């Protein structure tokens, strides 16, 4: 109603979230890949190695695109089962940063 009277309505957008100072200090002092995200997966801060490991948003887009365009890929992707390993040491051979060992 205010818009009709010439008074602009208040924006309903929330202010962008920022990394809390204590999280920034933790991030700055750890020697491990790390990313700080919101519950809606907005990335607020990262360590360079964490960013290199975070290929999920681009991967999801690629899988979605391939699934739409290629029935064979869609069947293959749906039939792929990956065993979850929730504890222990994992080794990765990352194409950019090389071999990583993470606990």
PDB file of N, CA and C in Angstrom:
ATOM      1  N   UNK A   1       0.818  -1.179   0.000  1.00  0.00           N
ATOM      2  CA  UNK A   1       0.000   0.000   0.000  1.00  0.00           C
ATOM      3  C   UNK A   1       0.870   1.254   0.000  1.00  0.00           C
ATOM      4  N   UNK A   2       1.989   1.205   0.700  1.00  0.00           N
ATOM      5  CA  UNK A   2       2.887   2.355   0.744  1.00  0.00           C
ATOM      6  C   UNK A   2       3.408   2.707  -0.644  1.00  0.00           C
ATOM      7  N   UNK A   3       3.618   1.685  -1.486  1.00  0.00           N
ATOM      8  CA  UNK A   3       4.128   1.942  -2.824  1.00  0.00           C
ATOM      9  C   UNK A   3       3.153   2.799  -3.623  1.00  0.00           C
ATOM     10  N   UNK A   4       1.855   2.585  -3.424  1.00  0.00           N
ATOM     11  CA  UNK A   4       0.851   3.368  -4.132  1.00  0.00           C
ATOM     12  C   UNK A   4       0.863   4.822  -3.672  1.00  0.00           C
ATOM     13  N   UNK A   5       1.195   5.045  -2.423  1.00  0.00           N
ATOM     14  CA  UNK A   5       1.215   6.401  -1.877  1.00  0.00           C
ATOM     15  C   UNK A   5       2.524   7.113  -2.186  1.00  0.00           C
ATOM     16  N   UNK A   6       3.433   6.451  -2.888  1.00  0.00           N
ATOM     17  CA  UNK A   6       4.698   7.077  -3.232  1.00  0.00           C
ATOM     18  C   UNK A   6       5.818   6.800  -2.254  1.00  0.00           C
ATOM     19  N   UNK A   7       5.547   6.053  -1.206  1.00  0.00           N
ATOM     20  CA  UNK A   7       6.571   5.681  -0.232  1.00  0.00           C
ATOM     21  C   UNK A   7       7.060   4.280  -0.563  1.00  0.00           C
ATOM     22  N   UNK A   8       8.353   4.134  -0.861  1.00  0.00           N
ATOM     23  CA  UNK A   8       8.831   2.790  -1.213  1.00  0.00           C
ATOM     24  C   UNK A   8       8.693   1.830  -0.043  1.00  0.00           C
ATOM     25  N   UNK A   9       8.324   0.617  -0.369  1.00  0.00           N
ATOM     26  CA  UNK A   9       8.221  -0.426   0.661  1.00  0.00           C
ATOM     27  C   UNK A   9       9.606  -0.832   1.109  1.00  0.00           C
ATOM     28  N   UNK A  10       9.723  -1.266   2.355  1.00  0.00           N
ATOM     29  CA  UNK A  10      11.007  -1.740   2.869  1.00  0.00           C
ATOM     30  C   UNK A  10      11.361  -3.051   2.180  1.00  0.00           C
ATOM     31  N   UNK A  11      12.622  -3.208   1.902  1.00  0.00           N
ATOM     32  CA  UNK A  11      13.081  -4.431   1.263  1.00  0.00           C
ATOM     33  C   UNK A  11      12.912  -5.605   2.212  1.00  0.00           C
ATOM     34  N   UNK A  12      12.474  -6.722   1.674  1.00  0.00           N
ATOM     35  CA  UNK A  12      12.313  -7.926   2.497  1.00  0.00           C
ATOM     36  C   UNK A  12      13.551  -8.806   2.460  1.00  0.00           C
ATOM     37  N   UNK A  13      14.536  -8.389   1.710  1.00  0.00           N
ATOM     38  CA  UNK A  13      15.767  -9.175   1.637  1.00  0.00           C
ATOM     39  C   UNK A  13      16.553  -9.053   2.928  1.00  0.00           C
ATOM     40  N   UNK A  14      17.135 -10.163   3.325  1.00  0.00           N
ATOM     41  CA  UNK A  14      17.997 -10.154   4.508  1.00  0.00           C
ATOM     42  C   UNK A  14      19.375  -9.664   4.101  1.00  0.00           C
ATOM     43  N   UNK A  15      20.046  -9.056   5.032  1.00  0.00           N
ATOM     44  CA  UNK A  15      21.414  -8.607   4.765  1.00  0.00           C
ATOM     45  C   UNK A  15      22.288  -9.830   4.522  1.00  0.00           C
ATOM     46  N   UNK A  16      23.273  -9.714   3.652  1.00  0.00           N
ATOM     47  CA  UNK A  16      24.160 -10.855   3.412  1.00  0.00           C
ATOM     48  C   UNK A  16      24.840 -11.296   4.699  1.00  0.00           C
ATOM     49  N   UNK A  17      24.938 -12.604   4.861  1.00  0.00           N
ATOM     50  CA  UNK A  17      25.593 -13.127   6.056  1.00  0.00           C
ATOM     51  C   UNK A  17      27.101 -12.990   5.921  1.00  0.00           C
ATOM     52  N   UNK A  18      27.756 -12.798   7.032  1.00  0.00           N
ATOM     53  CA  UNK A  18      29.211 -12.704   7.065  1.00  0.00           C
ATOM     54  C   UNK A  18      29.740 -13.731   8.042  1.00  0.00           C
ATOM     55  N   UNK A  19      30.988 -14.085   7.866  1.00  0.00           N
ATOM     56  CA  UNK A  19      31.630 -15.031   8.773  1.00  0.00           C
ATOM     57  C   UNK A  19      31.799 -14.364  10.128  1.00  0.00           C
ATOM     58  N   UNK A  20      31.409 -15.064  11.151  1.00  0.00           N
ATOM     59  CA  UNK A  20      31.593 -14.539  12.503  1.00  0.00           C
ATOM     60  C   UNK A  20      33.089 -14.481  12.809  1.00  0.00           C
ATOM     61  N   UNK A  21      33.522 -13.478  13.565  1.00  0.00           N
ATOM     62  CA  UNK A  21      34.959 -13.314  13.835  1.00  0.00           C
ATOM     63  C   UNK A  21      35.633 -14.555  14.415  1.00  0.00           C
ATOM     64  N   UNK A  22      34.955 -15.272  15.318  1.00  0.00           N
ATOM     65  CA  UNK A  22      35.588 -16.458  15.896  1.00  0.00           C
ATOM     66  C   UNK A  22      35.787 -17.551  14.846  1.00  0.00           C
ATOM     67  N   UNK A  23      34.849 -17.671  13.888  1.00  0.00           N
ATOM     68  CA  UNK A  23      35.027 -18.658  12.827  1.00  0.00           C
ATOM     69  C   UNK A  23      36.163 -18.259  11.894  1.00  0.00           C
ATOM     70  N   UNK A  24      36.296 -16.972  11.627  1.00  0.00           N
ATOM     71  CA  UNK A  24      37.399 -16.487  10.798  1.00  0.00           C
ATOM     72  C   UNK A  24      38.738 -16.815  11.458  1.00  0.00           C
ATOM     73  N   UNK A  25      38.827 -16.635  12.779  1.00  0.00           N
ATOM     74  CA  UNK A  25      40.079 -16.953  13.494  1.00  0.00           C
ATOM     75  C   UNK A  25      40.381 -18.446  13.413  1.00  0.00           C
ATOM     76  N   UNK A  26      39.366 -19.271  13.593  1.00  0.00           N
ATOM     77  CA  UNK A  26      39.572 -20.720  13.486  1.00  0.00           C
ATOM     78  C   UNK A  26      40.052 -21.069  12.089  1.00  0.00           C
ATOM     79  N   UNK A  27      39.383 -20.540  11.094  1.00  0.00           N
ATOM     80  CA  UNK A  27      39.742 -20.809   9.708  1.00  0.00           C
ATOM     81  C   UNK A  27      41.181 -20.384   9.415  1.00  0.00           C
ATOM     82  N   UNK A  28      41.566 -19.218   9.926  1.00  0.00           N
ATOM     83  CA  UNK A  28      42.913 -18.711   9.683  1.00  0.00           C
ATOM     84  C   UNK A  28      44.002 -19.530  10.363  1.00  0.00           C
ATOM     85  N   UNK A  29      43.656 -20.274  11.421  1.00  0.00           N
ATOM     86  CA  UNK A  29      44.679 -20.981  12.190  1.00  0.00           C
ATOM     87  C   UNK A  29      44.722 -22.491  11.984  1.00  0.00           C
ATOM     88  N   UNK A  30      43.820 -23.033  11.208  1.00  0.00           N
ATOM     89  CA  UNK A  30      43.875 -24.481  10.986  1.00  0.00           C
ATOM     90  C   UNK A  30      44.650 -24.782   9.719  1.00  0.00           C
ATOM     91  N   UNK A  31      45.275 -25.917   9.727  1.00  0.00           N
ATOM     92  CA  UNK A  31      46.055 -26.355   8.570  1.00  0.00           C
ATOM     93  C   UNK A  31      45.332 -27.533   7.921  1.00  0.00           C
ATOM     94  N   UNK A  32      44.174 -27.244   7.365  1.00  0.00           N
ATOM     95  CA  UNK A  32      43.357 -28.290   6.752  1.00  0.00           C
ATOM     96  C   UNK A  32      42.396 -27.635   5.765  1.00  0.00           C
ATOM     97  N   UNK A  33      41.891 -28.398   4.803  1.00  0.00           N
ATOM     98  CA  UNK A  33      40.880 -27.853   3.908  1.00  0.00           C
ATOM     99  C   UNK A  33      39.635 -27.501   4.720  1.00  0.00           C
ATOM    100  N   UNK A  34      39.051 -26.353   4.473  1.00  0.00           N
ATOM    101  CA  UNK A  34      37.854 -25.961   5.221  1.00  0.00           C
ATOM    102  C   UNK A  34      37.046 -24.953   4.418  1.00  0.00           C
ATOM    103  N   UNK A  35      35.739 -25.026   4.614  1.00  0.00           N
ATOM    104  CA  UNK A  35      34.807 -24.089   3.996  1.00  0.00           C
ATOM    105  C   UNK A  35      33.750 -23.759   5.040  1.00  0.00           C
ATOM    106  N   UNK A  36      33.378 -22.496   5.156  1.00  0.00           N
ATOM    107  CA  UNK A  36      32.303 -22.071   6.050  1.00  0.00           C
ATOM    108  C   UNK A  36      31.095 -21.769   5.175  1.00  0.00           C
ATOM    109  N   UNK A  37      30.001 -22.511   5.429  1.00  0.00           N
ATOM    110  CA  UNK A  37      28.792 -22.319   4.632  1.00  0.00           C
ATOM    111  C   UNK A  37      27.597 -22.068   5.537  1.00  0.00           C
ATOM    112  N   UNK A  38      26.564 -21.471   4.960  1.00  0.00           N
ATOM    113  CA  UNK A  38      25.313 -21.256   5.680  1.00  0.00           C
ATOM    114  C   UNK A  38      24.451 -22.510   5.550  1.00  0.00           C
ATOM    115  N   UNK A  39      23.359 -22.576   6.298  1.00  0.00           N
ATOM    116  CA  UNK A  39      22.448 -23.725   6.151  1.00  0.00           C
ATOM    117  C   UNK A  39      21.873 -23.855   4.743  1.00  0.00           C
ATOM    118  N   UNK A  40      21.870 -22.768   3.974  1.00  0.00           N
ATOM    119  CA  UNK A  40      21.378 -22.836   2.595  1.00  0.00           C
ATOM    120  C   UNK A  40      22.519 -23.004   1.594  1.00  0.00           C
ATOM    121  N   UNK A  41      23.689 -23.362   2.084  1.00  0.00           N
ATOM    122  CA  UNK A  41      24.879 -23.663   1.292  1.00  0.00           C
ATOM    123  C   UNK A  41      25.517 -22.463   0.602  1.00  0.00           C
ATOM    124  N   UNK A  42      25.281 -21.264   1.116  1.00  0.00           N
ATOM    125  CA  UNK A  42      26.028 -20.110   0.633  1.00  0.00           C
ATOM    126  C   UNK A  42      27.422 -20.184   1.238  1.00  0.00           C
ATOM    127  N   UNK A  43      28.439 -20.019   0.428  1.00  0.00           N
ATOM    128  CA  UNK A  43      29.814 -20.090   0.919  1.00  0.00           C
ATOM    129  C   UNK A  43      30.215 -18.718   1.452  1.00  0.00           C
ATOM    130  N   UNK A  44      30.632 -18.688   2.719  1.00  0.00           N
ATOM    131  CA  UNK A  44      31.011 -17.436   3.363  1.00  0.00           C
ATOM    132  C   UNK A  44      32.522 -17.236   3.405  1.00  0.00           C
ATOM    133  N   UNK A  45      33.273 -18.307   3.541  1.00  0.00           N
ATOM    134  CA  UNK A  45      34.737 -18.214   3.613  1.00  0.00           C
ATOM    135  C   UNK A  45      35.314 -19.592   3.318  1.00  0.00           C
ATOM    136  N   UNK A  46      36.607 -19.607   2.970  1.00  0.00           N
ATOM    137  CA  UNK A  46      37.237 -20.879   2.643  1.00  0.00           C
ATOM    138  C   UNK A  46      38.740 -20.778   2.761  1.00  0.00           C
ATOM    139  N   UNK A  47      39.331 -21.944   2.917  1.00  0.00           N
ATOM    140  CA  UNK A  47      40.777 -22.108   2.773  1.00  0.00           C
ATOM    141  C   UNK A  47      40.976 -22.501   1.308  1.00  0.00           C
ATOM    142  N   UNK A  48      42.078 -22.091   0.688  1.00  0.00           N
ATOM    143  CA  UNK A  48      42.272 -22.437  -0.733  1.00  0.00           C
ATOM    144  C   UNK A  48      42.141 -23.928  -1.019  1.00  0.00           C
ATOM    145  N   UNK A  49      42.677 -24.760  -0.143  1.00  0.00           N
ATOM    146  CA  UNK A  49      42.581 -26.202  -0.367  1.00  0.00           C
ATOM    147  C   UNK A  49      41.140 -26.677  -0.248  1.00  0.00           C
ATOM    148  N   UNK A  50      40.375 -26.094   0.658  1.00  0.00           N
ATOM    149  CA  UNK A  50      38.964 -26.437   0.791  1.00  0.00           C
ATOM    150  C   UNK A  50      38.198 -26.087  -0.473  1.00  0.00           C
ATOM    151  N   UNK A  51      38.518 -24.930  -1.039  1.00  0.00           N
ATOM    152  CA  UNK A  51      37.856 -24.512  -2.281  1.00  0.00           C
ATOM    153  C   UNK A  51      38.179 -25.476  -3.421  1.00  0.00           C
ATOM    154  N   UNK A  52      39.416 -25.944  -3.463  1.00  0.00           N
ATOM    155  CA  UNK A  52      39.815 -26.875  -4.523  1.00  0.00           C
ATOM    156  C   UNK A  52      39.055 -28.195  -4.409  1.00  0.00           C
ATOM    157  N   UNK A  53      38.762 -28.603  -3.182  1.00  0.00           N
ATOM    158  CA  UNK A  53      38.029 -29.855  -2.981  1.00  0.00           C
ATOM    159  C   UNK A  53      36.533 -29.695  -3.205  1.00  0.00           C
ATOM    160  N   UNK A  54      36.048 -28.476  -3.152  1.00  0.00           N
ATOM    161  CA  UNK A  54      34.605 -28.214  -3.227  1.00  0.00           C
ATOM    162  C   UNK A  54      34.162 -28.093  -4.675  1.00  0.00           C
ATOM    163  N   UNK A  55      34.094 -29.211  -5.370  1.00  0.00           N
ATOM    164  CA  UNK A  55      33.661 -29.192  -6.764  1.00  0.00           C
ATOM    165  C   UNK A  55      32.194 -29.585  -6.891  1.00  0.00           C
ATOM    166  N   UNK A  56      31.512 -29.822  -5.750  1.00  0.00           N
ATOM    167  CA  UNK A  56      30.133 -30.322  -5.736  1.00  0.00           C
ATOM    168  C   UNK A  56      29.192 -29.464  -6.558  1.00  0.00           C
ATOM    169  N   UNK A  57      29.084 -27.965  -6.373  1.00  0.00           N
ATOM    170  CA  UNK A  57      28.096 -27.209  -7.136  1.00  0.00           C
ATOM    171  C   UNK A  57      28.233 -27.423  -8.635  1.00  0.00           C
ATOM    172  N   UNK A  58      29.541 -27.417  -9.224  1.00  0.00           N
ATOM    173  CA  UNK A  58      29.772 -27.618 -10.656  1.00  0.00           C
ATOM    174  C   UNK A  58      29.481 -29.050 -11.053  1.00  0.00           C
ATOM    175  N   UNK A  59      29.814 -30.018 -10.202  1.00  0.00           N
ATOM    176  CA  UNK A  59      29.553 -31.423 -10.491  1.00  0.00           C
ATOM    177  C   UNK A  59      28.058 -31.682 -10.587  1.00  0.00           C
ATOM    178  N   UNK A  60      27.277 -31.143  -9.677  1.00  0.00           N
ATOM    179  CA  UNK A  60      25.829 -31.344  -9.700  1.00  0.00           C
ATOM    180  C   UNK A  60      25.228 -30.791 -10.986  1.00  0.00           C
ATOM    181  N   UNK A  61      25.714 -29.647 -11.421  1.00  0.00           N
ATOM    182  CA  UNK A  61      25.215 -29.054 -12.663  1.00  0.00           C
ATOM    183  C   UNK A  61      25.547 -29.937 -13.865  1.00  0.00           C
ATOM    184  N   UNK A  62      26.765 -30.451 -13.900  1.00  0.00           N
ATOM    185  CA  UNK A  62      27.182 -31.314 -14.997  1.00  0.00           C
ATOM    186  C   UNK A  62      26.357 -32.598 -15.025  1.00  0.00           C
ATOM    187  N   UNK A  63      26.171 -33.225 -13.868  1.00  0.00           N
ATOM    188  CA  UNK A  63      25.392 -34.464 -13.809  1.00  0.00           C
ATOM    189  C   UNK A  63      23.959 -34.205 -14.254  1.00  0.00           C
ATOM    190  N   UNK A  64      23.386 -33.086 -13.805  1.00  0.00           N
ATOM    191  CA  UNK A  64      22.026 -32.747 -14.220  1.00  0.00           C
ATOM    192  C   UNK A  64      21.922 -32.565 -15.720  1.00  0.00           C
ATOM    193  N   UNK A  65      22.865 -31.843 -16.290  1.00  0.00           N
ATOM    194  CA  UNK A  65      22.861 -31.593 -17.735  1.00  0.00           C
ATOM    195  C   UNK A  65      23.009 -32.901 -18.518  1.00  0.00           C
ATOM    196  N   UNK A  66      23.961 -33.732 -18.108  1.00  0.00           N
ATOM    197  CA  UNK A  66      24.165 -35.009 -18.802  1.00  0.00           C
ATOM    198  C   UNK A  66      22.963 -35.938 -18.656  1.00  0.00           C
ATOM    199  N   UNK A  67      22.334 -35.905 -17.489  1.00  0.00           N
ATOM    200  CA  UNK A  67      21.160 -36.756 -17.256  1.00  0.00           C
ATOM    201  C   UNK A  67      20.001 -36.381 -18.169  1.00  0.00           C
ATOM    202  N   UNK A  68      19.852 -35.096 -18.420  1.00  0.00           N
ATOM    203  CA  UNK A  68      18.775 -34.631 -19.305  1.00  0.00           C
ATOM    204  C   UNK A  68      19.060 -35.008 -20.751  1.00  0.00           C
ATOM    205  N   UNK A  69      20.307 -34.893 -21.165  1.00  0.00           N
ATOM    206  CA  UNK A  69      20.656 -35.069 -22.579  1.00  0.00           C
ATOM    207  C   UNK A  69      20.924 -36.506 -23.012  1.00  0.00           C
ATOM    208  N   UNK A  70      21.276 -37.375 -22.052  1.00  0.00           N
ATOM    209  CA  UNK A  70      21.756 -38.697 -22.446  1.00  0.00           C
ATOM    210  C   UNK A  70      21.131 -39.792 -21.590  1.00  0.00           C
ATOM    211  N   UNK A  71      20.254 -40.577 -22.197  1.00  0.00           N
ATOM    212  CA  UNK A  71      19.567 -41.652 -21.470  1.00  0.00           C
ATOM    213  C   UNK A  71      20.545 -42.695 -20.943  1.00  0.00           C
ATOM    214  N   UNK A  72      21.594 -42.998 -21.709  1.00  0.00           N
ATOM    215  CA  UNK A  72      22.585 -43.977 -21.271  1.00  0.00           C
ATOM    216  C   UNK A  72      23.309 -43.482 -20.015  1.00  0.00           C
ATOM    217  N   UNK A  73      23.692 -42.209 -20.008  1.00  0.00           N
ATOM    218  CA  UNK A  73      24.333 -41.651 -18.811  1.00  0.00           C
ATOM    219  C   UNK A  73      23.377 -41.699 -17.627  1.00  0.00           C
ATOM    220  N   UNK A  74      22.121 -41.358 -17.857  1.00  0.00           N
ATOM    221  CA  UNK A  74      21.119 -41.354 -16.801  1.00  0.00           C
ATOM    222  C   UNK A  74      21.006 -42.735 -16.149  1.00  0.00           C
ATOM    223  N   UNK A  75      20.975 -43.796 -16.960  1.00  0.00           N
ATOM    224  CA  UNK A  75      20.905 -45.163 -16.429  1.00  0.00           C
ATOM    225  C   UNK A  75      22.180 -45.516 -15.677  1.00  0.00           C
ATOM    226  N   UNK A  76      23.327 -45.134 -16.228  1.00  0.00           N
ATOM    227  CA  UNK A  76      24.607 -45.435 -15.578  1.00  0.00           C
ATOM    228  C   UNK A  76      24.697 -44.728 -14.229  1.00  0.00           C
ATOM    229  N   UNK A  77      24.352 -43.435 -14.189  1.00  0.00           N
ATOM    230  CA  UNK A  77      24.462 -42.658 -12.952  1.00  0.00           C
ATOM    231  C   UNK A  77      23.515 -43.203 -11.881  1.00  0.00           C
ATOM    232  N   UNK A  78      22.301 -43.552 -12.290  1.00  0.00           N
ATOM    233  CA  UNK A  78      21.323 -44.080 -11.338  1.00  0.00           C
ATOM    234  C   UNK A  78      21.759 -45.432 -10.785  1.00  0.00           C
ATOM    235  N   UNK A  79      22.498 -46.204 -11.569  1.00  0.00           N
ATOM    236  CA  UNK A  79      22.932 -47.527 -11.133  1.00  0.00           C
ATOM    237  C   UNK A  79      24.244 -47.528 -10.382  1.00  0.00           C
ATOM    238  N   UNK A  80      24.872 -46.381 -10.215  1.00  0.00           N
ATOM    239  CA  UNK A  80      26.160 -46.311  -9.533  1.00  0.00           C
ATOM    240  C   UNK A  80      25.948 -46.282  -8.026  1.00  0.00           C
ATOM    241  N   UNK A  81      26.590 -47.210  -7.349  1.00  0.00           N
ATOM    242  CA  UNK A  81      26.493 -47.273  -5.888  1.00  0.00           C
ATOM    243  C   UNK A  81      27.878 -47.060  -5.300  1.00  0.00           C
ATOM    244  N   UNK A  82      27.958 -46.118  -4.392  1.00  0.00           N
ATOM    245  CA  UNK A  82      29.229 -45.806  -3.754  1.00  0.00           C
ATOM    246  C   UNK A  82      29.115 -46.158  -2.285  1.00  0.00           C
ATOM    247  N   UNK A  83      30.060 -46.922  -1.801  1.00  0.00           N
ATOM    248  CA  UNK A  83      30.059 -47.278  -0.391  1.00  0.00           C
ATOM    249  C   UNK A  83      30.513 -46.077   0.427  1.00  0.00           C
ATOM    250  N   UNK A  84      29.794 -45.795   1.485  1.00  0.00           N
ATOM    251  CA  UNK A  84      30.147 -44.659   2.346  1.00  0.00           C
ATOM    252  C   UNK A  84      31.178 -45.105   3.379  1.00  0.00           C
ATOM    253  N   UNK A  85      32.215 -44.313   3.512  1.00  0.00           N
ATOM    254  CA  UNK A  85      33.218 -44.540   4.549  1.00  0.00           C
ATOM    255  C   UNK A  85      33.210 -43.287   5.411  1.00  0.00           C
ATOM    256  N   UNK A  86      32.741 -43.404   6.614  1.00  0.00           N
ATOM    257  CA  UNK A  86      32.526 -42.230   7.435  1.00  0.00           C
ATOM    258  C   UNK A  86      33.677 -41.917   8.382  1.00  0.00           C
ATOM    259  N   UNK A  87      34.609 -42.838   8.584  1.00  0.00           N
ATOM    260  CA  UNK A  87      35.716 -42.590   9.503  1.00  0.00           C
ATOM    261  C   UNK A  87      37.014 -43.044   8.885  1.00  0.00           C
ATOM    262  N   UNK A  88      38.088 -42.563   9.486  1.00  0.00           N
ATOM    263  CA  UNK A  88      39.399 -43.009   9.057  1.00  0.00           C
ATOM    264  C   UNK A  88      40.069 -42.037   8.117  1.00  0.00           C
ATOM    265  N   UNK A  89      41.200 -42.461   7.618  1.00  0.00           N
ATOM    266  CA  UNK A  89      42.002 -41.640   6.724  1.00  0.00           C
ATOM    267  C   UNK A  89      41.565 -41.870   5.280  1.00  0.00           C
ATOM    268  N   UNK A  90      41.505 -40.785   4.528  1.00  0.00           N
ATOM    269  CA  UNK A  90      41.172 -40.880   3.114  1.00  0.00           C
ATOM    270  C   UNK A  90      42.287 -40.222   2.317  1.00  0.00           C
ATOM    271  N   UNK A  91      42.604 -40.826   1.203  1.00  0.00           N
ATOM    272  CA  UNK A  91      43.627 -40.262   0.323  1.00  0.00           C
ATOM    273  C   UNK A  91      42.964 -39.861  -0.986  1.00  0.00           C
ATOM    274  N   UNK A  92      43.304 -38.676  -1.438  1.00  0.00           N
ATOM    275  CA  UNK A  92      42.775 -38.155  -2.692  1.00  0.00           C
ATOM    276  C   UNK A  92      43.932 -37.751  -3.585  1.00  0.00           C
ATOM    277  N   UNK A  93      43.774 -37.985  -4.859  1.00  0.00           N
ATOM    278  CA  UNK A  93      44.732 -37.470  -5.837  1.00  0.00           C
ATOM    279  C   UNK A  93      44.001 -36.393  -6.618  1.00  0.00           C
ATOM    280  N   UNK A  94      44.094 -35.170  -6.131  1.00  0.00           N
ATOM    281  CA  UNK A  94      43.373 -34.044  -6.714  1.00  0.00           C
ATOM    282  C   UNK A  94      44.130 -33.535  -7.936  1.00  0.00           C
ATOM    283  N   UNK A  95      43.429 -33.239  -9.038  1.00  0.00           N
ATOM    284  CA  UNK A  95      44.111 -32.834 -10.267  1.00  0.00           C
ATOM    285  C   UNK A  95      44.848 -31.498 -10.165  1.00  0.00           C
ATOM    286  N   UNK A  96      44.477 -30.642  -9.218  1.00  0.00           N
ATOM    287  CA  UNK A  96      45.114 -29.336  -9.094  1.00  0.00           C
ATOM    288  C   UNK A  96      46.181 -29.313  -7.997  1.00  0.00           C
ATOM    289  N   UNK A  97      45.832 -29.821  -6.832  1.00  0.00           N
ATOM    290  CA  UNK A  97      46.746 -29.693  -5.686  1.00  0.00           C
ATOM    291  C   UNK A  97      47.566 -30.945  -5.408  1.00  0.00           C
ATOM    292  N   UNK A  98      47.297 -32.019  -6.115  1.00  0.00           N
ATOM    293  CA  UNK A  98      48.092 -33.243  -5.935  1.00  0.00           C
ATOM    294  C   UNK A  98      47.515 -34.161  -4.866  1.00  0.00           C
ATOM    295  N   UNK A  99      48.373 -34.998  -4.305  1.00  0.00           N
ATOM    296  CA  UNK A  99      47.926 -35.993  -3.343  1.00  0.00           C
ATOM    297  C   UNK A  99      47.635 -35.364  -1.983  1.00  0.00           C
ATOM    298  N   UNK A 100      46.481 -35.743  -1.408  1.00  0.00           N
ATOM    299  CA  UNK A 100      46.054 -35.243  -0.099  1.00  0.00           C
ATOM    300  C   UNK A 100      45.730 -36.417   0.788  1.00  0.00           C
ATOM    301  N   UNK A 101      46.062 -36.300   2.057  1.00  0.00           N
ATOM    302  CA  UNK A 101      45.659 -37.283   3.047  1.00  0.00           C
ATOM    303  C   UNK A 101      44.850 -36.554   4.095  1.00  0.00           C
ATOM    304  N   UNK A 102      43.590 -36.948   4.270  1.00  0.00           N
ATOM    305  CA  UNK A 102      42.687 -36.279   5.190  1.00  0.00           C
ATOM    306  C   UNK A 102      42.176 -37.271   6.218  1.00  0.00           C
ATOM    307  N   UNK A 103      42.039 -36.813   7.451  1.00  0.00           N
ATOM    308  CA  UNK A 103      41.478 -37.634   8.524  1.00  0.00           C
ATOM    309  C   UNK A 103      40.034 -37.250   8.766  1.00  0.00           C
TER     310      UNK A 103
END
